[in-house]
Amino acid sequence: MKASNTAYEKIKKWEGLLLETKKDMGGVPTIGYGHTGHVKMGAKITSAIAEAYLRLDVARVEKAIDATHISFNQNEYDALTVFGFNLGPGAVKTLTDGRSKSQIANAIPLYCHVGSRKVQGLVNRRADEQKLFLKPLNHYKVPTHKTVSIVAALNSLHVDSSMKHRARIAKANNISHYSGTAAENTLLCKLLYAGKLKMV
């Protein structure tokens, strides 16, 4: 599974865009959308570089979520991506280790401190992440550009388009024994562009 557009939009909303280095509330030099890796004060970047940093940082969080070996649905996965992006991939392991999904959801609001200080902005962010984690699955967004390829369409939404994940999507949409045939993929495309493809 991959983080969807929902996760990217929420990260951008909470992080904001910095094209010149500033220190965050913890005193860490930050640039782009909350990027902190090897950042020096005085550095300047373009919005395209900020987007590239964002995708690299999200990929690190996705790896941490996948390492939990817990089967999350898309909303849960997106919520953990936003959470881990803010607190670091290691926080994903700390949050999920030995916990059930309901326990994970209940624990998300606890991570709202900078040092020993409770920060209202983090309280608000954790509440938003928890809400997304608990949100019932809906339907995938309709891609902006129409294509006859379900793989390309899912990729445009930042949804895992692997055979394994497409089989999960197919099953959720009452297509049993999915094998990736043209007819099956055409049906998935039709459901997606009609706004009726159920999320997994």
N, C-alpha and C. Protein backbone atom coordinates (compact mmCIF):
# COMPACT_ATOMS: atom_id res chain seq x y z
N MET A 1 0.84 -1.19 0.00
CA MET A 1 0.00 0.00 0.00
C MET A 1 0.88 1.25 0.00
N LYS A 2 0.35 2.33 -0.53
CA LYS A 2 1.04 3.60 -0.56
C LYS A 2 0.14 4.69 0.02
N ALA A 3 0.74 5.76 0.48
CA ALA A 3 -0.03 6.91 0.95
C ALA A 3 -0.79 7.49 -0.24
N SER A 4 -2.04 7.86 -0.02
CA SER A 4 -2.85 8.42 -1.09
C SER A 4 -2.75 9.95 -1.09
N ASN A 5 -3.46 10.57 -2.01
CA ASN A 5 -3.49 12.04 -2.08
C ASN A 5 -3.96 12.66 -0.77
N THR A 6 -4.84 11.95 -0.06
CA THR A 6 -5.35 12.46 1.21
C THR A 6 -4.21 12.73 2.18
N ALA A 7 -3.28 11.78 2.28
CA ALA A 7 -2.13 11.95 3.18
C ALA A 7 -1.27 13.13 2.74
N TYR A 8 -1.01 13.23 1.45
CA TYR A 8 -0.18 14.32 0.94
C TYR A 8 -0.84 15.68 1.22
N GLU A 9 -2.14 15.75 1.01
CA GLU A 9 -2.85 17.01 1.22
C GLU A 9 -2.81 17.42 2.68
N LYS A 10 -2.98 16.44 3.58
CA LYS A 10 -2.96 16.75 5.01
C LYS A 10 -1.56 17.16 5.47
N ILE A 11 -0.54 16.49 4.96
CA ILE A 11 0.83 16.86 5.31
C ILE A 11 1.10 18.30 4.89
N LYS A 12 0.71 18.64 3.68
CA LYS A 12 0.93 20.00 3.17
C LYS A 12 0.15 21.02 4.01
N LYS A 13 -1.06 20.64 4.40
CA LYS A 13 -1.90 21.53 5.22
C LYS A 13 -1.22 21.81 6.57
N TRP A 14 -0.74 20.76 7.23
CA TRP A 14 -0.18 20.92 8.57
C TRP A 14 1.24 21.47 8.56
N GLU A 15 2.03 21.12 7.57
CA GLU A 15 3.42 21.54 7.55
C GLU A 15 3.61 22.93 6.96
N GLY A 16 2.81 23.28 5.94
CA GLY A 16 3.04 24.52 5.24
C GLY A 16 4.29 24.40 4.37
N LEU A 17 4.51 25.36 3.50
CA LEU A 17 5.65 25.32 2.58
C LEU A 17 6.65 26.40 2.92
N LEU A 18 7.89 25.98 3.14
CA LEU A 18 8.99 26.90 3.39
C LEU A 18 10.00 26.76 2.26
N LEU A 19 10.27 27.84 1.54
CA LEU A 19 11.27 27.80 0.47
C LEU A 19 12.63 28.30 0.97
N GLU A 20 12.67 28.71 2.23
CA GLU A 20 13.92 29.11 2.88
C GLU A 20 13.93 28.52 4.29
N THR A 21 15.09 28.06 4.73
CA THR A 21 15.19 27.37 6.01
C THR A 21 14.74 28.23 7.19
N LYS A 22 13.93 27.61 8.05
CA LYS A 22 13.57 28.20 9.34
C LYS A 22 13.62 27.10 10.39
N LYS A 23 13.73 27.48 11.64
CA LYS A 23 13.73 26.50 12.71
C LYS A 23 12.29 26.22 13.13
N ASP A 24 11.97 24.92 13.35
CA ASP A 24 10.63 24.58 13.80
C ASP A 24 10.51 24.83 15.30
N MET A 25 9.36 24.48 15.88
CA MET A 25 9.13 24.76 17.29
C MET A 25 10.10 24.02 18.21
N GLY A 26 10.73 22.99 17.69
CA GLY A 26 11.72 22.26 18.47
C GLY A 26 13.13 22.76 18.23
N GLY A 27 13.28 23.80 17.39
CA GLY A 27 14.59 24.36 17.12
C GLY A 27 15.36 23.66 16.02
N VAL A 28 14.68 22.80 15.24
CA VAL A 28 15.34 22.03 14.18
C VAL A 28 15.22 22.78 12.85
N PRO A 29 16.34 22.98 12.12
CA PRO A 29 16.27 23.63 10.81
C PRO A 29 15.37 22.84 9.86
N THR A 30 14.41 23.53 9.25
CA THR A 30 13.39 22.89 8.42
C THR A 30 13.19 23.65 7.13
N ILE A 31 12.90 22.92 6.06
CA ILE A 31 12.63 23.55 4.77
C ILE A 31 11.61 22.71 4.01
N GLY A 32 11.01 23.28 2.98
CA GLY A 32 10.01 22.54 2.21
C GLY A 32 8.78 22.24 3.04
N TYR A 33 8.26 21.05 2.92
CA TYR A 33 7.10 20.62 3.71
C TYR A 33 7.60 19.83 4.93
N GLY A 34 8.22 20.53 5.87
CA GLY A 34 8.67 19.87 7.09
C GLY A 34 9.89 18.99 6.92
N HIS A 35 10.69 19.22 5.88
CA HIS A 35 11.88 18.41 5.65
C HIS A 35 13.01 18.87 6.56
N THR A 36 13.65 17.91 7.25
CA THR A 36 14.70 18.26 8.21
C THR A 36 16.04 17.57 7.93
N GLY A 37 16.10 16.68 6.95
CA GLY A 37 17.32 15.93 6.69
C GLY A 37 18.43 16.76 6.08
N HIS A 38 19.55 16.90 6.78
CA HIS A 38 20.73 17.61 6.28
C HIS A 38 20.38 19.03 5.82
N VAL A 39 19.58 19.71 6.60
CA VAL A 39 19.16 21.07 6.25
C VAL A 39 20.03 22.08 7.00
N LYS A 40 20.53 23.07 6.26
CA LYS A 40 21.35 24.12 6.85
C LYS A 40 20.62 25.45 6.81
N MET A 41 20.84 26.26 7.83
CA MET A 41 20.24 27.58 7.87
C MET A 41 20.76 28.40 6.68
N GLY A 42 19.85 29.19 6.09
CA GLY A 42 20.21 30.02 4.95
C GLY A 42 19.95 29.36 3.61
N ALA A 43 19.62 28.07 3.62
CA ALA A 43 19.36 27.36 2.36
C ALA A 43 18.04 27.81 1.75
N LYS A 44 18.00 27.77 0.41
CA LYS A 44 16.78 28.11 -0.32
C LYS A 44 16.52 27.03 -1.37
N ILE A 45 15.23 26.73 -1.60
CA ILE A 45 14.85 25.71 -2.58
C ILE A 45 13.66 26.20 -3.40
N THR A 46 13.33 25.45 -4.45
CA THR A 46 12.15 25.72 -5.26
C THR A 46 11.00 24.84 -4.77
N SER A 47 9.79 25.13 -5.23
CA SER A 47 8.64 24.32 -4.86
C SER A 47 8.78 22.89 -5.42
N ALA A 48 9.44 22.75 -6.57
CA ALA A 48 9.65 21.42 -7.15
C ALA A 48 10.57 20.58 -6.27
N ILE A 49 11.59 21.20 -5.72
CA ILE A 49 12.49 20.48 -4.83
C ILE A 49 11.76 20.13 -3.53
N ALA A 50 10.92 21.04 -3.06
CA ALA A 50 10.12 20.76 -1.85
C ALA A 50 9.24 19.54 -2.07
N GLU A 51 8.64 19.44 -3.26
CA GLU A 51 7.80 18.28 -3.59
C GLU A 51 8.63 17.01 -3.62
N ALA A 52 9.83 17.08 -4.14
CA ALA A 52 10.71 15.91 -4.19
C ALA A 52 11.10 15.46 -2.79
N TYR A 53 11.44 16.41 -1.92
CA TYR A 53 11.75 16.09 -0.53
C TYR A 53 10.55 15.43 0.14
N LEU A 54 9.36 15.96 -0.13
CA LEU A 54 8.13 15.43 0.46
C LEU A 54 7.96 13.96 0.12
N ARG A 55 8.15 13.62 -1.13
CA ARG A 55 7.94 12.24 -1.56
C ARG A 55 9.01 11.30 -0.98
N LEU A 56 10.22 11.80 -0.85
CA LEU A 56 11.27 11.00 -0.22
C LEU A 56 10.96 10.75 1.25
N ASP A 57 10.49 11.78 1.94
CA ASP A 57 10.17 11.65 3.36
C ASP A 57 8.96 10.74 3.58
N VAL A 58 7.96 10.85 2.70
CA VAL A 58 6.78 9.98 2.80
C VAL A 58 7.19 8.53 2.58
N ALA A 59 8.09 8.29 1.63
CA ALA A 59 8.54 6.92 1.35
C ALA A 59 9.19 6.29 2.58
N ARG A 60 9.92 7.09 3.36
CA ARG A 60 10.54 6.59 4.59
C ARG A 60 9.49 6.18 5.61
N VAL A 61 8.42 6.96 5.68
CA VAL A 61 7.34 6.64 6.62
C VAL A 61 6.57 5.40 6.14
N GLU A 62 6.33 5.31 4.84
CA GLU A 62 5.64 4.14 4.29
C GLU A 62 6.41 2.86 4.63
N LYS A 63 7.72 2.91 4.54
CA LYS A 63 8.55 1.75 4.86
C LYS A 63 8.36 1.35 6.32
N ALA A 64 8.27 2.33 7.20
CA ALA A 64 8.06 2.05 8.63
C ALA A 64 6.68 1.45 8.88
N ILE A 65 5.66 1.96 8.18
CA ILE A 65 4.31 1.41 8.34
C ILE A 65 4.26 -0.03 7.84
N ASP A 66 4.87 -0.27 6.69
CA ASP A 66 4.88 -1.62 6.12
C ASP A 66 5.61 -2.60 7.05
N ALA A 67 6.60 -2.10 7.78
CA ALA A 67 7.39 -2.96 8.67
C ALA A 67 6.59 -3.43 9.88
N THR A 68 5.43 -2.79 10.15
CA THR A 68 4.61 -3.23 11.27
C THR A 68 3.90 -4.54 10.98
N HIS A 69 3.76 -4.86 9.67
CA HIS A 69 3.08 -6.09 9.22
C HIS A 69 1.62 -6.14 9.70
N ILE A 70 1.03 -4.96 9.88
CA ILE A 70 -0.39 -4.87 10.23
C ILE A 70 -1.14 -4.48 8.96
N SER A 71 -2.28 -5.12 8.72
CA SER A 71 -3.06 -4.84 7.52
C SER A 71 -3.96 -3.63 7.76
N PHE A 72 -3.47 -2.45 7.38
CA PHE A 72 -4.24 -1.22 7.54
C PHE A 72 -5.05 -0.94 6.28
N ASN A 73 -6.23 -0.32 6.46
CA ASN A 73 -6.96 0.14 5.28
C ASN A 73 -6.38 1.49 4.86
N GLN A 74 -6.88 2.06 3.77
CA GLN A 74 -6.27 3.28 3.22
C GLN A 74 -6.34 4.46 4.18
N ASN A 75 -7.47 4.63 4.87
CA ASN A 75 -7.58 5.75 5.79
C ASN A 75 -6.62 5.60 6.96
N GLU A 76 -6.51 4.38 7.49
CA GLU A 76 -5.59 4.12 8.60
C GLU A 76 -4.15 4.37 8.16
N TYR A 77 -3.83 3.90 6.96
CA TYR A 77 -2.47 4.05 6.42
C TYR A 77 -2.14 5.52 6.22
N ASP A 78 -3.08 6.27 5.67
CA ASP A 78 -2.86 7.70 5.44
C ASP A 78 -2.67 8.44 6.76
N ALA A 79 -3.47 8.11 7.76
CA ALA A 79 -3.35 8.76 9.07
C ALA A 79 -1.98 8.49 9.68
N LEU A 80 -1.51 7.27 9.57
CA LEU A 80 -0.19 6.93 10.11
C LEU A 80 0.93 7.61 9.32
N THR A 81 0.70 7.81 8.03
CA THR A 81 1.69 8.52 7.21
C THR A 81 1.84 9.96 7.69
N VAL A 82 0.73 10.63 7.92
CA VAL A 82 0.75 12.02 8.40
C VAL A 82 1.40 12.08 9.78
N PHE A 83 1.05 11.14 10.63
CA PHE A 83 1.61 11.04 11.99
C PHE A 83 3.12 10.82 11.93
N GLY A 84 3.55 9.82 11.17
CA GLY A 84 4.96 9.49 11.07
C GLY A 84 5.78 10.56 10.38
N PHE A 85 5.17 11.28 9.45
CA PHE A 85 5.86 12.36 8.77
C PHE A 85 6.24 13.44 9.78
N ASN A 86 5.34 13.71 10.70
CA ASN A 86 5.57 14.75 11.71
C ASN A 86 6.56 14.31 12.79
N LEU A 87 6.43 13.07 13.25
CA LEU A 87 7.22 12.62 14.40
C LEU A 87 8.40 11.73 14.04
N GLY A 88 8.46 11.31 12.78
CA GLY A 88 9.56 10.44 12.35
C GLY A 88 9.11 8.99 12.25
N PRO A 89 9.73 8.22 11.34
CA PRO A 89 9.36 6.82 11.15
C PRO A 89 9.42 5.98 12.42
N GLY A 90 10.36 6.30 13.30
CA GLY A 90 10.48 5.53 14.54
C GLY A 90 9.25 5.64 15.42
N ALA A 91 8.54 6.78 15.31
CA ALA A 91 7.34 6.97 16.11
C ALA A 91 6.21 6.04 15.68
N VAL A 92 6.24 5.63 14.41
CA VAL A 92 5.23 4.69 13.91
C VAL A 92 5.37 3.36 14.64
N LYS A 93 6.60 2.89 14.80
CA LYS A 93 6.85 1.64 15.53
C LYS A 93 6.43 1.77 16.98
N THR A 94 6.79 2.90 17.61
CA THR A 94 6.42 3.13 19.00
C THR A 94 4.91 3.13 19.18
N LEU A 95 4.21 3.77 18.25
CA LEU A 95 2.75 3.87 18.34
C LEU A 95 2.07 2.53 18.15
N THR A 96 2.55 1.74 17.20
CA THR A 96 1.83 0.52 16.81
C THR A 96 2.28 -0.74 17.53
N ASP A 97 3.48 -0.74 18.06
CA ASP A 97 4.06 -1.96 18.63
C ASP A 97 3.21 -2.53 19.77
N GLY A 98 2.70 -3.75 19.56
CA GLY A 98 1.93 -4.44 20.59
C GLY A 98 0.53 -3.93 20.81
N ARG A 99 0.06 -3.05 19.92
CA ARG A 99 -1.27 -2.48 20.08
C ARG A 99 -2.22 -2.97 19.00
N SER A 100 -3.49 -3.09 19.35
CA SER A 100 -4.53 -3.37 18.36
C SER A 100 -4.86 -2.07 17.64
N LYS A 101 -5.65 -2.15 16.59
CA LYS A 101 -6.01 -0.93 15.86
C LYS A 101 -6.76 0.07 16.75
N SER A 102 -7.65 -0.41 17.58
CA SER A 102 -8.40 0.49 18.46
C SER A 102 -7.47 1.14 19.47
N GLN A 103 -6.48 0.39 19.94
CA GLN A 103 -5.51 0.95 20.89
C GLN A 103 -4.61 1.98 20.21
N ILE A 104 -4.27 1.71 18.94
CA ILE A 104 -3.47 2.67 18.18
C ILE A 104 -4.24 3.99 18.06
N ALA A 105 -5.51 3.88 17.68
CA ALA A 105 -6.34 5.08 17.53
C ALA A 105 -6.42 5.87 18.83
N ASN A 106 -6.57 5.17 19.94
CA ASN A 106 -6.68 5.83 21.25
C ASN A 106 -5.36 6.47 21.67
N ALA A 107 -4.24 5.93 21.17
CA ALA A 107 -2.93 6.44 21.58
C ALA A 107 -2.46 7.64 20.76
N ILE A 108 -3.00 7.82 19.57
CA ILE A 108 -2.55 8.91 18.69
C ILE A 108 -2.55 10.28 19.39
N PRO A 109 -3.61 10.63 20.14
CA PRO A 109 -3.65 11.97 20.76
C PRO A 109 -2.59 12.19 21.84
N LEU A 110 -1.94 11.14 22.30
CA LEU A 110 -0.95 11.28 23.37
C LEU A 110 0.33 11.97 22.90
N TYR A 111 0.56 11.96 21.59
CA TYR A 111 1.80 12.49 21.03
C TYR A 111 1.64 13.96 20.65
N CYS A 112 1.51 14.80 21.67
CA CYS A 112 1.21 16.21 21.41
C CYS A 112 2.12 17.15 22.21
N HIS A 113 3.33 16.67 22.53
CA HIS A 113 4.23 17.47 23.34
C HIS A 113 5.53 17.77 22.60
N VAL A 114 6.10 18.92 22.91
CA VAL A 114 7.46 19.25 22.50
C VAL A 114 8.24 19.31 23.81
N GLY A 115 9.07 18.30 24.04
CA GLY A 115 9.68 18.15 25.36
C GLY A 115 8.59 17.80 26.35
N SER A 116 8.46 18.56 27.40
CA SER A 116 7.40 18.32 28.39
C SER A 116 6.22 19.26 28.18
N ARG A 117 6.30 20.10 27.15
CA ARG A 117 5.27 21.12 26.93
C ARG A 117 4.21 20.64 25.95
N LYS A 118 2.96 20.69 26.37
CA LYS A 118 1.84 20.33 25.51
C LYS A 118 1.57 21.48 24.54
N VAL A 119 1.50 21.15 23.25
CA VAL A 119 1.35 22.18 22.22
C VAL A 119 -0.02 22.05 21.56
N GLN A 120 -0.80 23.12 21.58
CA GLN A 120 -2.16 23.05 21.05
C GLN A 120 -2.19 22.69 19.57
N GLY A 121 -1.20 23.19 18.81
CA GLY A 121 -1.16 22.85 17.39
C GLY A 121 -1.02 21.35 17.18
N LEU A 122 -0.23 20.69 18.02
CA LEU A 122 -0.07 19.24 17.92
C LEU A 122 -1.32 18.52 18.42
N VAL A 123 -1.99 19.08 19.41
CA VAL A 123 -3.26 18.51 19.87
C VAL A 123 -4.25 18.48 18.71
N ASN A 124 -4.32 19.59 17.98
CA ASN A 124 -5.24 19.69 16.84
C ASN A 124 -4.85 18.72 15.73
N ARG A 125 -3.55 18.62 15.47
CA ARG A 125 -3.07 17.73 14.41
C ARG A 125 -3.35 16.27 14.76
N ARG A 126 -3.06 15.87 16.00
CA ARG A 126 -3.32 14.49 16.41
C ARG A 126 -4.82 14.16 16.33
N ALA A 127 -5.66 15.14 16.66
CA ALA A 127 -7.11 14.91 16.57
C ALA A 127 -7.52 14.67 15.12
N ASP A 128 -6.92 15.42 14.21
CA ASP A 128 -7.21 15.26 12.78
C ASP A 128 -6.75 13.88 12.29
N GLU A 129 -5.57 13.47 12.74
CA GLU A 129 -5.04 12.15 12.35
C GLU A 129 -5.90 11.03 12.92
N GLN A 130 -6.32 11.17 14.16
CA GLN A 130 -7.17 10.16 14.78
C GLN A 130 -8.51 10.06 14.05
N LYS A 131 -9.06 11.21 13.68
CA LYS A 131 -10.33 11.22 12.95
C LYS A 131 -10.21 10.48 11.64
N LEU A 132 -9.11 10.70 10.92
CA LEU A 132 -8.89 10.01 9.65
C LEU A 132 -8.68 8.52 9.87
N PHE A 133 -7.93 8.16 10.90
CA PHE A 133 -7.67 6.75 11.21
C PHE A 133 -8.99 6.00 11.44
N LEU A 134 -9.93 6.65 12.09
CA LEU A 134 -11.21 6.02 12.45
C LEU A 134 -12.28 6.18 11.37
N LYS A 135 -11.99 6.97 10.34
CA LYS A 135 -12.99 7.25 9.31
C LYS A 135 -13.31 5.99 8.49
N PRO A 136 -14.57 5.65 8.37
CA PRO A 136 -14.95 4.48 7.54
C PRO A 136 -14.49 4.68 6.11
N LEU A 137 -14.19 3.59 5.45
CA LEU A 137 -13.73 3.67 4.06
C LEU A 137 -14.81 4.24 3.17
N ASN A 138 -14.37 5.01 2.21
CA ASN A 138 -15.29 5.61 1.26
C ASN A 138 -14.93 5.10 -0.12
N HIS A 139 -15.00 5.93 -1.12
CA HIS A 139 -14.63 5.56 -2.48
C HIS A 139 -13.39 6.35 -2.90
N TYR A 140 -12.62 5.77 -3.80
CA TYR A 140 -11.44 6.47 -4.32
C TYR A 140 -11.88 7.73 -5.06
N LYS A 141 -11.02 8.74 -5.00
CA LYS A 141 -11.30 9.96 -5.75
C LYS A 141 -11.23 9.67 -7.25
N VAL A 142 -11.95 10.46 -8.01
CA VAL A 142 -11.91 10.32 -9.47
C VAL A 142 -10.67 11.03 -9.98
N PRO A 143 -9.79 10.36 -10.72
CA PRO A 143 -8.57 11.00 -11.24
C PRO A 143 -8.89 12.19 -12.13
N THR A 144 -8.00 13.16 -12.14
CA THR A 144 -8.19 14.37 -12.95
C THR A 144 -8.12 14.05 -14.44
N HIS A 145 -7.16 13.21 -14.81
CA HIS A 145 -6.96 12.86 -16.22
C HIS A 145 -7.42 11.42 -16.46
N LYS A 146 -8.29 11.24 -17.42
CA LYS A 146 -8.84 9.92 -17.69
C LYS A 146 -7.86 9.07 -18.49
N THR A 147 -7.78 7.80 -18.11
CA THR A 147 -6.92 6.84 -18.80
C THR A 147 -7.63 5.50 -18.83
N VAL A 148 -7.28 4.66 -19.78
CA VAL A 148 -7.90 3.33 -19.88
C VAL A 148 -7.13 2.33 -19.03
N SER A 149 -6.03 2.75 -18.43
CA SER A 149 -5.21 1.86 -17.61
C SER A 149 -5.52 2.04 -16.14
N ILE A 150 -5.97 0.99 -15.47
CA ILE A 150 -6.26 1.08 -14.04
C ILE A 150 -4.97 1.32 -13.26
N VAL A 151 -3.86 0.77 -13.76
CA VAL A 151 -2.57 0.98 -13.09
C VAL A 151 -2.20 2.46 -13.11
N ALA A 152 -2.28 3.09 -14.28
CA ALA A 152 -1.96 4.51 -14.40
C ALA A 152 -2.92 5.37 -13.58
N ALA A 153 -4.19 4.99 -13.57
CA ALA A 153 -5.19 5.75 -12.83
C ALA A 153 -4.92 5.70 -11.33
N LEU A 154 -4.61 4.51 -10.82
CA LEU A 154 -4.31 4.37 -9.39
C LEU A 154 -3.02 5.10 -9.04
N ASN A 155 -2.02 5.00 -9.91
CA ASN A 155 -0.75 5.70 -9.67
C ASN A 155 -0.96 7.20 -9.58
N SER A 156 -1.88 7.73 -10.38
CA SER A 156 -2.13 9.17 -10.37
C SER A 156 -2.74 9.61 -9.04
N LEU A 157 -3.33 8.66 -8.32
CA LEU A 157 -3.92 8.94 -7.00
C LEU A 157 -2.98 8.56 -5.87
N HIS A 158 -1.76 8.13 -6.23
CA HIS A 158 -0.77 7.64 -5.26
C HIS A 158 -1.30 6.43 -4.49
N VAL A 159 -2.04 5.59 -5.19
CA VAL A 159 -2.56 4.35 -4.62
C VAL A 159 -1.73 3.19 -5.16
N ASP A 160 -1.39 2.26 -4.30
CA ASP A 160 -0.62 1.08 -4.70
C ASP A 160 -1.32 0.38 -5.86
N SER A 161 -0.62 0.24 -6.99
CA SER A 161 -1.22 -0.37 -8.18
C SER A 161 -0.68 -1.77 -8.46
N SER A 162 0.01 -2.34 -7.47
CA SER A 162 0.56 -3.69 -7.66
C SER A 162 -0.56 -4.70 -7.86
N MET A 163 -0.22 -5.83 -8.44
CA MET A 163 -1.21 -6.88 -8.68
C MET A 163 -1.89 -7.31 -7.37
N LYS A 164 -1.10 -7.43 -6.33
CA LYS A 164 -1.63 -7.87 -5.03
C LYS A 164 -2.66 -6.88 -4.50
N HIS A 165 -2.35 -5.59 -4.60
CA HIS A 165 -3.27 -4.59 -4.07
C HIS A 165 -4.50 -4.44 -4.97
N ARG A 166 -4.30 -4.55 -6.28
CA ARG A 166 -5.46 -4.50 -7.18
C ARG A 166 -6.42 -5.66 -6.89
N ALA A 167 -5.87 -6.80 -6.50
CA ALA A 167 -6.72 -7.94 -6.16
C ALA A 167 -7.55 -7.63 -4.92
N ARG A 168 -6.95 -6.91 -3.97
CA ARG A 168 -7.69 -6.51 -2.76
C ARG A 168 -8.80 -5.53 -3.12
N ILE A 169 -8.48 -4.59 -4.02
CA ILE A 169 -9.50 -3.63 -4.45
C ILE A 169 -10.63 -4.35 -5.18
N ALA A 170 -10.25 -5.27 -6.06
CA ALA A 170 -11.25 -6.02 -6.82
C ALA A 170 -12.19 -6.78 -5.89
N LYS A 171 -11.61 -7.43 -4.89
CA LYS A 171 -12.41 -8.21 -3.94
C LYS A 171 -13.39 -7.32 -3.19
N ALA A 172 -12.93 -6.12 -2.80
CA ALA A 172 -13.80 -5.17 -2.09
C ALA A 172 -14.92 -4.66 -2.97
N ASN A 173 -14.72 -4.78 -4.30
CA ASN A 173 -15.73 -4.32 -5.25
C ASN A 173 -16.44 -5.47 -5.96
N ASN A 174 -16.49 -6.60 -5.25
CA ASN A 174 -17.26 -7.78 -5.68
C ASN A 174 -16.75 -8.41 -6.98
N ILE A 175 -15.44 -8.31 -7.22
CA ILE A 175 -14.84 -9.01 -8.35
C ILE A 175 -14.00 -10.14 -7.77
N SER A 176 -14.53 -11.33 -7.78
CA SER A 176 -13.88 -12.48 -7.15
C SER A 176 -12.81 -13.06 -8.07
N HIS A 177 -11.78 -13.63 -7.47
CA HIS A 177 -10.72 -14.34 -8.21
C HIS A 177 -10.08 -13.46 -9.28
N TYR A 178 -9.76 -12.23 -8.90
CA TYR A 178 -9.13 -11.28 -9.82
C TYR A 178 -7.80 -11.82 -10.35
N SER A 179 -7.62 -11.74 -11.67
CA SER A 179 -6.37 -12.22 -12.27
C SER A 179 -5.73 -11.18 -13.19
N GLY A 180 -6.28 -9.97 -13.19
CA GLY A 180 -5.69 -8.89 -13.98
C GLY A 180 -6.05 -8.90 -15.45
N THR A 181 -7.17 -9.52 -15.81
CA THR A 181 -7.56 -9.55 -17.21
C THR A 181 -8.02 -8.17 -17.68
N ALA A 182 -8.04 -7.96 -18.98
CA ALA A 182 -8.48 -6.69 -19.55
C ALA A 182 -9.90 -6.36 -19.13
N ALA A 183 -10.76 -7.37 -19.11
CA ALA A 183 -12.16 -7.16 -18.74
C ALA A 183 -12.28 -6.71 -17.28
N GLU A 184 -11.51 -7.34 -16.41
CA GLU A 184 -11.55 -6.98 -14.99
C GLU A 184 -11.02 -5.56 -14.78
N ASN A 185 -9.92 -5.23 -15.45
CA ASN A 185 -9.34 -3.91 -15.31
C ASN A 185 -10.24 -2.82 -15.89
N THR A 186 -10.93 -3.15 -16.96
CA THR A 186 -11.88 -2.21 -17.56
C THR A 186 -13.01 -1.91 -16.58
N LEU A 187 -13.47 -2.96 -15.89
CA LEU A 187 -14.55 -2.78 -14.91
C LEU A 187 -14.07 -1.92 -13.74
N LEU A 188 -12.85 -2.16 -13.28
CA LEU A 188 -12.30 -1.35 -12.20
C LEU A 188 -12.20 0.11 -12.63
N CYS A 189 -11.77 0.35 -13.86
CA CYS A 189 -11.67 1.71 -14.40
C CYS A 189 -13.04 2.38 -14.44
N LYS A 190 -14.03 1.65 -14.92
CA LYS A 190 -15.38 2.21 -15.01
C LYS A 190 -15.90 2.61 -13.63
N LEU A 191 -15.68 1.75 -12.64
CA LEU A 191 -16.11 2.05 -11.27
C LEU A 191 -15.37 3.27 -10.73
N LEU A 192 -14.06 3.33 -11.01
CA LEU A 192 -13.25 4.45 -10.51
C LEU A 192 -13.73 5.78 -11.08
N TYR A 193 -13.92 5.83 -12.40
CA TYR A 193 -14.30 7.09 -13.04
C TYR A 193 -15.76 7.47 -12.77
N ALA A 194 -16.52 6.49 -12.29
CA ALA A 194 -17.91 6.77 -11.91
C ALA A 194 -17.98 7.18 -10.43
N GLY A 195 -16.82 7.18 -9.77
CA GLY A 195 -16.78 7.53 -8.35
C GLY A 195 -17.34 6.45 -7.45
N LYS A 196 -17.36 5.21 -7.93
CA LYS A 196 -17.97 4.12 -7.18
C LYS A 196 -16.99 3.02 -6.76
N LEU A 197 -15.69 3.22 -7.00
CA LEU A 197 -14.71 2.19 -6.64
C LEU A 197 -14.42 2.28 -5.14
N LYS A 198 -14.80 1.24 -4.41
CA LYS A 198 -14.63 1.23 -2.96
C LYS A 198 -13.17 1.13 -2.59
N MET A 199 -12.80 1.87 -1.56
CA MET A 199 -11.42 1.86 -1.07
C MET A 199 -11.15 0.61 -0.24
N VAL A 200 -9.87 0.25 -0.16
CA VAL A 200 -9.43 -0.83 0.74
C VAL A 200 -8.30 -0.31 1.59
